[in-house]
């Protein structure tokens, strides 16, 4: 993966980590339910966007690996990728 793409994903995940810490503080301080739910929604959206970014970046890499996988008769790896992608899509 290109350094630029990796950094962008890591930065997005760090922002999500900060959002989670903020959410934790809201719960600890017994913030109003509405405020907590708004932040949960924001974190959920951020995680979904991170997932989309990961899929975009890795998709071409995964497709490039398919011929090698087929040559070495490891179709199970393709099924694993399909399952992981399906779980992500079901979550989104």
C-alpha atoms as a PDB file:
ATOM      1  CA  UNK A   1       0.000   0.000   0.000  1.00  0.00           C
ATOM      2  CA  UNK A   2       1.224   3.471  -0.791  1.00  0.00           C
ATOM      3  CA  UNK A   3       2.503   5.493   2.140  1.00  0.00           C
ATOM      4  CA  UNK A   4       0.038   8.302   1.420  1.00  0.00           C
ATOM      5  CA  UNK A   5      -2.963   5.965   1.542  1.00  0.00           C
ATOM      6  CA  UNK A   6      -1.720   4.236   4.678  1.00  0.00           C
ATOM      7  CA  UNK A   7      -1.220   7.580   6.443  1.00  0.00           C
ATOM      8  CA  UNK A   8      -4.706   8.746   5.446  1.00  0.00           C
ATOM      9  CA  UNK A   9      -6.273   5.593   6.872  1.00  0.00           C
ATOM     10  CA  UNK A  10      -4.222   5.765  10.068  1.00  0.00           C
ATOM     11  CA  UNK A  11      -5.136   9.450  10.525  1.00  0.00           C
ATOM     12  CA  UNK A  12      -8.816   8.653  10.069  1.00  0.00           C
ATOM     13  CA  UNK A  13      -8.573   5.857  12.652  1.00  0.00           C
ATOM     14  CA  UNK A  14      -6.821   8.189  15.103  1.00  0.00           C
ATOM     15  CA  UNK A  15      -9.662  10.694  14.726  1.00  0.00           C
ATOM     16  CA  UNK A  16     -12.132   7.903  15.428  1.00  0.00           C
ATOM     17  CA  UNK A  17     -10.110   6.952  18.492  1.00  0.00           C
ATOM     18  CA  UNK A  18     -10.432  10.544  19.706  1.00  0.00           C
ATOM     19  CA  UNK A  19     -14.170  10.486  19.071  1.00  0.00           C
ATOM     20  CA  UNK A  20     -14.454   7.297  21.124  1.00  0.00           C
ATOM     21  CA  UNK A  21     -12.555   8.889  24.019  1.00  0.00           C
ATOM     22  CA  UNK A  22     -14.882  11.880  23.836  1.00  0.00           C
ATOM     23  CA  UNK A  23     -17.883   9.578  23.857  1.00  0.00           C
ATOM     24  CA  UNK A  24     -16.486   7.769  26.879  1.00  0.00           C
ATOM     25  CA  UNK A  25     -16.151  11.094  28.714  1.00  0.00           C
ATOM     26  CA  UNK A  26     -19.730  12.002  27.866  1.00  0.00           C
ATOM     27  CA  UNK A  27     -20.949   8.756  29.411  1.00  0.00           C
ATOM     28  CA  UNK A  28     -18.730   9.181  32.479  1.00  0.00           C
ATOM     29  CA  UNK A  29     -20.051  12.729  33.012  1.00  0.00           C
ATOM     30  CA  UNK A  30     -23.619  11.492  32.553  1.00  0.00           C
ATOM     31  CA  UNK A  31     -24.230  13.806  29.610  1.00  0.00           C
ATOM     32  CA  UNK A  32     -27.753  14.015  28.217  1.00  0.00           C
ATOM     33  CA  UNK A  33     -28.828  10.965  26.251  1.00  0.00           C
ATOM     34  CA  UNK A  34     -29.302  13.036  23.089  1.00  0.00           C
ATOM     35  CA  UNK A  35     -25.688  14.247  23.188  1.00  0.00           C
ATOM     36  CA  UNK A  36     -24.415  10.694  23.628  1.00  0.00           C
ATOM     37  CA  UNK A  37     -26.564   9.355  20.799  1.00  0.00           C
ATOM     38  CA  UNK A  38     -25.399  12.117  18.458  1.00  0.00           C
ATOM     39  CA  UNK A  39     -21.780  11.200  19.186  1.00  0.00           C
ATOM     40  CA  UNK A  40     -22.485   7.473  18.728  1.00  0.00           C
ATOM     41  CA  UNK A  41     -23.977   8.321  15.350  1.00  0.00           C
ATOM     42  CA  UNK A  42     -20.915  10.386  14.427  1.00  0.00           C
ATOM     43  CA  UNK A  43     -18.554   7.559  15.434  1.00  0.00           C
ATOM     44  CA  UNK A  44     -20.608   5.036  13.472  1.00  0.00           C
ATOM     45  CA  UNK A  45     -20.478   7.212  10.356  1.00  0.00           C
ATOM     46  CA  UNK A  46     -16.726   7.731  10.783  1.00  0.00           C
ATOM     47  CA  UNK A  47     -16.102   3.989  11.077  1.00  0.00           C
ATOM     48  CA  UNK A  48     -18.171   3.338   7.950  1.00  0.00           C
ATOM     49  CA  UNK A  49     -16.174   5.956   6.036  1.00  0.00           C
ATOM     50  CA  UNK A  50     -12.934   4.378   7.227  1.00  0.00           C
ATOM     51  CA  UNK A  51     -14.182   1.033   5.968  1.00  0.00           C
ATOM     52  CA  UNK A  52     -14.968   2.496   2.564  1.00  0.00           C
ATOM     53  CA  UNK A  53     -11.498   3.988   2.393  1.00  0.00           C
ATOM     54  CA  UNK A  54      -9.897   0.646   3.309  1.00  0.00           C
ATOM     55  CA  UNK A  55     -11.955  -1.157   0.665  1.00  0.00           C
ATOM     56  CA  UNK A  56     -10.968   1.401  -1.992  1.00  0.00           C
ATOM     57  CA  UNK A  57      -7.275   1.211  -1.172  1.00  0.00           C
ATOM     58  CA  UNK A  58      -7.055  -2.551  -0.786  1.00  0.00           C
ATOM     59  CA  UNK A  59      -9.448  -3.564  -3.534  1.00  0.00           C
ATOM     60  CA  UNK A  60      -6.936  -3.173  -6.342  1.00  0.00           C
ATOM     61  CA  UNK A  61      -4.286  -4.899  -4.255  1.00  0.00           C
ATOM     62  CA  UNK A  62      -6.645  -7.807  -3.564  1.00  0.00           C
ATOM     63  CA  UNK A  63      -7.598  -8.073  -7.220  1.00  0.00           C
ATOM     64  CA  UNK A  64      -3.930  -8.148  -8.189  1.00  0.00           C
ATOM     65  CA  UNK A  65      -3.432 -11.122  -5.858  1.00  0.00           C
ATOM     66  CA  UNK A  66      -6.263 -13.205  -7.358  1.00  0.00           C
ATOM     67  CA  UNK A  67      -4.202 -14.740 -10.213  1.00  0.00           C
ATOM     68  CA  UNK A  68      -1.490 -15.779  -7.737  1.00  0.00           C
ATOM     69  CA  UNK A  69      -4.088 -17.290  -5.414  1.00  0.00           C
ATOM     70  CA  UNK A  70      -5.679 -19.224  -8.265  1.00  0.00           C
ATOM     71  CA  UNK A  71      -2.286 -20.463  -9.483  1.00  0.00           C
ATOM     72  CA  UNK A  72      -1.448 -21.842  -6.055  1.00  0.00           C
ATOM     73  CA  UNK A  73      -4.939 -23.329  -5.637  1.00  0.00           C
ATOM     74  CA  UNK A  74      -5.822 -21.249  -2.552  1.00  0.00           C
ATOM     75  CA  UNK A  75      -9.392 -20.304  -3.423  1.00  0.00           C
ATOM     76  CA  UNK A  76     -10.140 -20.283   0.308  1.00  0.00           C
ATOM     77  CA  UNK A  77      -8.398 -16.906   0.508  1.00  0.00           C
ATOM     78  CA  UNK A  78     -10.810 -15.503  -2.050  1.00  0.00           C
ATOM     79  CA  UNK A  79     -13.745 -16.844  -0.033  1.00  0.00           C
ATOM     80  CA  UNK A  80     -12.279 -15.239   3.117  1.00  0.00           C
ATOM     81  CA  UNK A  81     -12.095 -11.884   1.336  1.00  0.00           C
ATOM     82  CA  UNK A  82     -15.662 -12.301   0.066  1.00  0.00           C
ATOM     83  CA  UNK A  83     -16.911 -13.069   3.590  1.00  0.00           C
ATOM     84  CA  UNK A  84     -15.094 -10.077   5.070  1.00  0.00           C
ATOM     85  CA  UNK A  85     -16.447  -7.777   2.370  1.00  0.00           C
ATOM     86  CA  UNK A  86     -19.944  -9.168   2.827  1.00  0.00           C
ATOM     87  CA  UNK A  87     -19.804  -8.545   6.589  1.00  0.00           C
ATOM     88  CA  UNK A  88     -18.691  -4.970   5.964  1.00  0.00           C
ATOM     89  CA  UNK A  89     -21.470  -4.366   3.449  1.00  0.00           C
ATOM     90  CA  UNK A  90     -24.069  -5.837   5.815  1.00  0.00           C
ATOM     91  CA  UNK A  91     -22.799  -3.478   8.537  1.00  0.00           C
ATOM     92  CA  UNK A  92     -22.989  -0.438   6.281  1.00  0.00           C
END
